[in-house]
Protein backbone atom coordinates (compact mmCIF):
# COMPACT_ATOMS: atom_id res chain seq x y z
CA MET A 1 84.29 86.56 105.74
CA LEU A 2 83.67 88.79 102.80
CA ARG A 3 81.44 85.47 101.08
CA LEU A 4 79.66 85.74 104.67
CA ILE A 5 78.88 89.45 104.70
CA GLY A 6 77.44 89.11 101.15
CA LEU A 7 75.41 86.75 102.64
CA ALA A 8 73.91 87.59 105.58
CA VAL A 9 73.81 91.11 104.22
CA SER A 10 72.16 89.94 100.76
CA ILE A 11 69.38 87.91 102.64
CA GLY A 12 68.91 90.86 105.04
CA LEU A 13 68.18 93.30 101.98
CA ALA A 14 65.65 90.86 100.88
CA ASP A 15 64.24 90.15 103.62
CA SER A 16 63.90 93.79 104.62
CA VAL A 17 60.80 93.91 102.07
CA ASN A 18 58.42 92.87 105.19
CA PRO A 19 55.04 93.77 105.58
CA SER A 20 55.33 92.68 109.32
CA THR A 21 57.69 95.58 109.91
CA ILE A 22 57.03 98.03 107.21
CA ALA A 23 53.20 98.18 107.55
CA PRO A 24 53.64 98.86 111.01
CA GLY A 25 56.60 101.47 110.45
CA LEU A 26 54.12 103.36 107.72
CA TYR A 27 51.54 103.92 110.27
CA LEU A 28 53.89 105.01 112.96
CA ALA A 29 55.15 107.76 110.36
CA LEU A 30 51.97 108.93 109.61
CA GLY A 31 51.03 109.16 113.37
CA GLN A 32 51.93 111.97 116.14
CA ARG A 33 55.15 112.09 116.80
CA PRO A 34 56.57 110.24 113.85
CA ARG A 35 60.53 110.47 114.57
CA PRO A 36 60.65 109.47 118.14
CA ALA A 37 58.07 106.35 117.24
CA LEU A 38 59.87 104.88 114.57
CA ILE A 39 63.08 105.18 116.28
CA GLN A 40 61.60 103.66 119.36
CA PHE A 41 60.13 100.58 116.90
CA THR A 42 63.15 100.25 114.78
CA LEU A 43 65.17 100.05 117.75
CA ALA A 44 62.75 97.36 119.43
CA VAL A 45 63.00 94.86 115.71
CA LEU A 46 66.71 95.44 115.33
CA VAL A 47 67.74 94.38 119.47
CA VAL A 48 65.22 91.87 119.46
CA ASN A 49 66.34 89.84 115.85
CA PHE A 50 69.68 90.50 117.06
CA VAL A 51 69.25 89.46 120.32
CA GLY A 52 67.71 86.61 119.70
CA GLY A 53 70.11 85.51 116.57
CA ALA A 54 73.33 85.75 118.98
CA ALA A 55 71.12 83.43 121.89
CA ILE A 56 70.99 80.85 119.03
CA ALA A 57 74.19 81.00 117.28
CA LEU A 58 75.99 81.65 120.79
CA GLY A 59 74.05 79.15 122.92
CA PRO A 60 72.79 76.00 120.49
CA GLY A 61 75.17 76.59 117.76
CA GLU A 62 78.23 76.95 120.17
CA ALA A 63 77.01 74.12 121.73
CA LEU A 64 77.05 71.99 118.55
CA LEU A 65 80.42 73.11 117.54
CA ALA A 66 82.20 71.56 120.94
CA VAL A 67 80.87 68.15 120.68
CA VAL A 68 81.16 68.25 116.60
CA PRO A 69 84.53 68.59 114.78
CA LYS A 70 85.17 72.22 113.99
CA PRO A 71 83.39 72.53 110.16
CA GLY A 72 85.93 72.92 107.14
CA ALA A 73 85.46 75.31 103.90
CA THR A 74 83.60 72.45 102.55
CA ALA A 75 80.61 72.42 105.15
CA ARG A 76 80.83 76.37 105.40
CA TYR A 77 79.66 76.47 101.40
CA ILE A 78 77.54 73.87 101.42
CA ALA A 79 75.64 75.83 104.56
CA GLU A 80 75.82 78.97 102.13
CA THR A 81 74.09 76.77 99.14
CA VAL A 82 71.77 75.80 102.24
CA ALA A 83 70.68 79.20 102.66
CA GLY A 84 70.51 79.87 98.61
CA VAL A 85 67.53 77.32 98.64
CA VAL A 86 66.23 78.11 101.45
CA MET A 87 65.34 82.13 99.97
CA LEU A 88 64.23 80.11 96.47
CA VAL A 89 61.87 78.05 97.98
CA ALA A 90 60.80 81.40 99.83
CA ALA A 91 60.18 83.12 96.45
CA VAL A 92 58.20 79.78 94.77
CA VAL A 93 55.86 80.17 97.90
CA LEU A 94 55.91 83.76 97.37
CA TRP A 95 54.83 83.97 94.10
CA VAL A 96 52.37 81.19 94.12
CA ARG A 97 50.48 82.39 96.62
CA ARG A 98 51.28 86.55 95.22
CA GLU A 99 47.39 87.30 94.20
CA THR A 100 46.02 85.58 97.32
CA LEU A 101 48.81 87.59 99.99
CA GLY A 102 48.10 90.82 97.52
CA ARG A 103 44.30 90.63 98.48
CA ARG A 104 45.06 91.16 102.07
CA GLU A 105 44.88 94.52 103.97
CA LEU A 106 48.49 95.55 105.33
CA PRO A 107 48.67 95.46 109.40
CA SER A 108 46.99 98.84 110.61
CA PRO A 109 47.94 98.62 114.32
CA ASP A 110 46.54 102.03 115.78
CA PRO A 111 50.16 104.32 116.84
CA ARG A 112 48.24 105.99 119.38
CA ARG A 113 47.65 102.91 121.39
CA LYS A 114 51.20 101.50 121.57
CA SER A 115 54.27 103.06 121.63
CA GLY A 116 56.96 102.33 118.87
CA LEU A 117 58.94 100.46 121.33
CA LEU A 118 56.02 98.00 122.24
CA LEU A 119 55.06 97.60 119.30
CA GLY A 120 58.31 96.58 117.68
CA LEU A 121 58.95 94.19 120.98
CA THR A 122 55.43 92.62 120.46
CA ILE A 123 55.96 92.27 116.68
CA SER A 124 59.73 91.36 116.93
CA ALA A 125 58.77 88.25 119.38
CA VAL A 126 55.90 86.72 117.78
CA GLU A 127 57.69 87.38 113.86
CA LEU A 128 60.95 85.84 114.84
CA PRO A 129 60.48 81.88 115.64
CA THR A 130 58.69 82.07 111.87
CA ALA A 131 61.79 84.03 110.47
CA PHE A 132 63.34 81.33 108.17
CA PRO A 133 65.42 82.61 106.22
CA TYR A 134 67.24 84.91 109.46
CA PHE A 135 67.73 81.26 110.28
CA ALA A 136 69.34 80.52 107.11
CA VAL A 137 71.85 83.34 108.14
CA ILE A 138 72.48 82.11 111.34
CA ALA A 139 73.23 78.14 110.19
CA ALA A 140 75.50 79.66 107.65
CA ILE A 141 76.99 81.61 110.44
CA VAL A 142 77.57 79.10 113.03
CA GLY A 143 78.74 76.63 110.05
CA SER A 144 81.68 78.91 109.68
CA GLY A 145 83.35 77.90 112.71
CA PHE A 146 84.05 81.46 113.35
CA GLY A 147 84.22 83.02 116.51
CA PRO A 148 81.66 84.74 118.37
CA GLY A 149 82.94 88.35 117.86
CA ARG A 150 82.62 87.52 113.99
CA GLN A 151 79.29 86.02 114.37
CA LEU A 152 78.00 89.01 116.48
CA VAL A 153 79.18 91.47 113.55
CA LEU A 154 77.63 89.00 110.84
CA LEU A 155 74.08 89.04 113.08
CA ALA A 156 74.59 92.69 113.37
CA LEU A 157 75.19 92.92 109.45
CA TYR A 158 72.22 91.03 108.55
CA ASN A 159 69.58 92.79 111.09
CA VAL A 160 70.60 96.50 109.96
CA ALA A 161 70.17 95.06 106.17
CA PHE A 162 67.05 94.20 107.52
CA VAL A 163 66.21 97.39 108.98
CA LEU A 164 66.95 99.74 106.07
CA PRO A 165 63.34 100.40 104.94
CA LEU A 166 62.45 101.56 108.55
CA ILE A 167 65.94 103.47 108.85
CA LEU A 168 64.42 105.44 105.08
CA MET A 169 61.75 106.56 107.11
CA ILE A 170 63.17 108.39 110.11
CA LEU A 171 65.48 109.89 107.70
CA THR A 172 62.17 110.79 105.88
CA VAL A 173 60.68 112.60 108.49
CA THR A 174 63.39 113.90 109.34
CA LEU A 175 64.56 115.20 106.40
CA ALA A 176 61.82 116.49 104.22
CA PRO A 177 58.82 116.65 107.49
CA ASP A 178 56.33 118.51 105.61
CA ARG A 179 56.29 116.36 102.08
CA ALA A 180 57.11 113.08 104.19
CA GLY A 181 53.14 112.02 104.87
CA GLN A 182 52.60 112.00 101.06
CA ILE A 183 55.57 110.31 100.12
CA LEU A 184 55.17 107.67 102.99
CA ARG A 185 51.03 107.39 101.41
CA ARG A 186 51.71 106.69 98.27
CA ALA A 187 54.65 104.37 99.19
CA ARG A 188 52.36 102.59 101.59
CA ASP A 189 49.70 102.21 98.31
CA TRP A 190 52.26 100.99 96.24
CA LEU A 191 53.65 98.56 98.80
CA GLN A 192 50.13 97.35 98.93
CA ARG A 193 49.27 95.85 95.71
CA ARG A 194 52.86 94.88 95.17
CA TRP A 195 54.75 93.64 97.85
CA PRO A 196 54.37 90.12 97.46
CA PRO A 197 55.64 89.34 93.78
CA LEU A 198 58.84 92.51 94.97
CA LEU A 199 59.24 89.81 97.55
CA ALA A 200 59.27 87.09 95.87
CA GLY A 201 61.26 89.19 93.21
CA LEU A 202 64.10 89.68 95.86
CA ALA A 203 64.26 86.19 97.37
CA LEU A 204 64.83 84.79 93.94
CA ILE A 205 67.58 87.06 93.22
CA VAL A 206 69.28 86.97 96.37
CA GLY A 207 68.94 82.75 96.72
CA LEU A 208 70.67 82.50 93.40
CA PHE A 209 73.35 84.89 94.16
CA VAL A 210 73.75 82.66 97.70
CA ILE A 211 73.57 79.75 95.71
CA ALA A 212 76.24 80.61 93.30
CA LEU A 213 78.15 81.86 95.97
CA GLY A 214 77.88 78.02 98.01
CA ILE A 215 78.88 76.40 94.43
CA THR A 216 81.60 78.31 93.26
CA GLY A 217 83.36 78.12 96.59
CA LEU A 218 82.86 74.02 96.53
CA THR A 219 84.23 73.81 93.25
CA GLY A 220 86.93 75.90 93.68
CA ARG A 221 88.07 73.75 96.46
CA THR A 222 86.92 71.00 94.22
CA HIS A 223 89.35 72.02 91.69
CA GLY A 224 92.23 72.70 93.99
CA ARG A 225 92.27 69.72 95.56
CA VAL A 226 92.15 68.01 91.81
CA GLY A 227 95.32 70.36 91.08
CA ARG A 228 97.06 68.84 94.16
CA PHE A 229 96.56 65.55 92.86
CA SER A 230 97.13 66.00 89.88
CA ARG A 231 100.71 67.55 90.94
CA ARG A 232 101.31 65.18 93.36
CA PHE A 233 101.01 62.42 90.40
CA ARG A 234 103.33 63.93 88.30
CA ARG A 235 106.15 64.48 91.03
CA SER A 236 105.60 60.83 91.45
CA ILE A 237 106.34 59.37 88.05
CA THR A 238 108.90 61.93 86.97
CA PRO A 239 112.08 59.92 87.28
């Protein structure tokens, strides 16, 4: 369980540096009534992603487990390794396209035209089908063979990590309302210039960490099998 908690939280944190959610969040934070708008937006993103992930994990995922044998530890470690490889591929793509992506303007929704709730629902519904790091987490969770309760906990941990930047914005406008505009404008300007290499670096670090989780699990299981075989062999030849 602890291995999958580390996987879900680490990938969620890397995926949280996502202009599709951070940029609208910054605009809402600089608009009218920023705190309620941000809370609505954050809850909408959290609920849509959690419900979508749960539907996949407990729907097609559970149906698949019903017709195939319950995955063992080796299958779980392989799933972890695959999730790490997905993050590495994402890191490479972001790094190769960093200059092109950095020249693009961040999304600029008008916070006066849409409520935070509607904006969050719309963005999350559009982004969910292409959320490949999230799919990697879901695959690892389904492959774990854990029951629905533990799977939902792991999905919730990923999604809380994913909306962490939005939570920090809410804390900023709550605890420092007089300085929030200045702080968040600087954050937006910095994000505009730096987000592709930053996200690529995070994806690289997390990918290597998750692959290490999977490989250490596989090698530990292999060593365990070798040790058991050696003990049986020694017993068999001992007079």
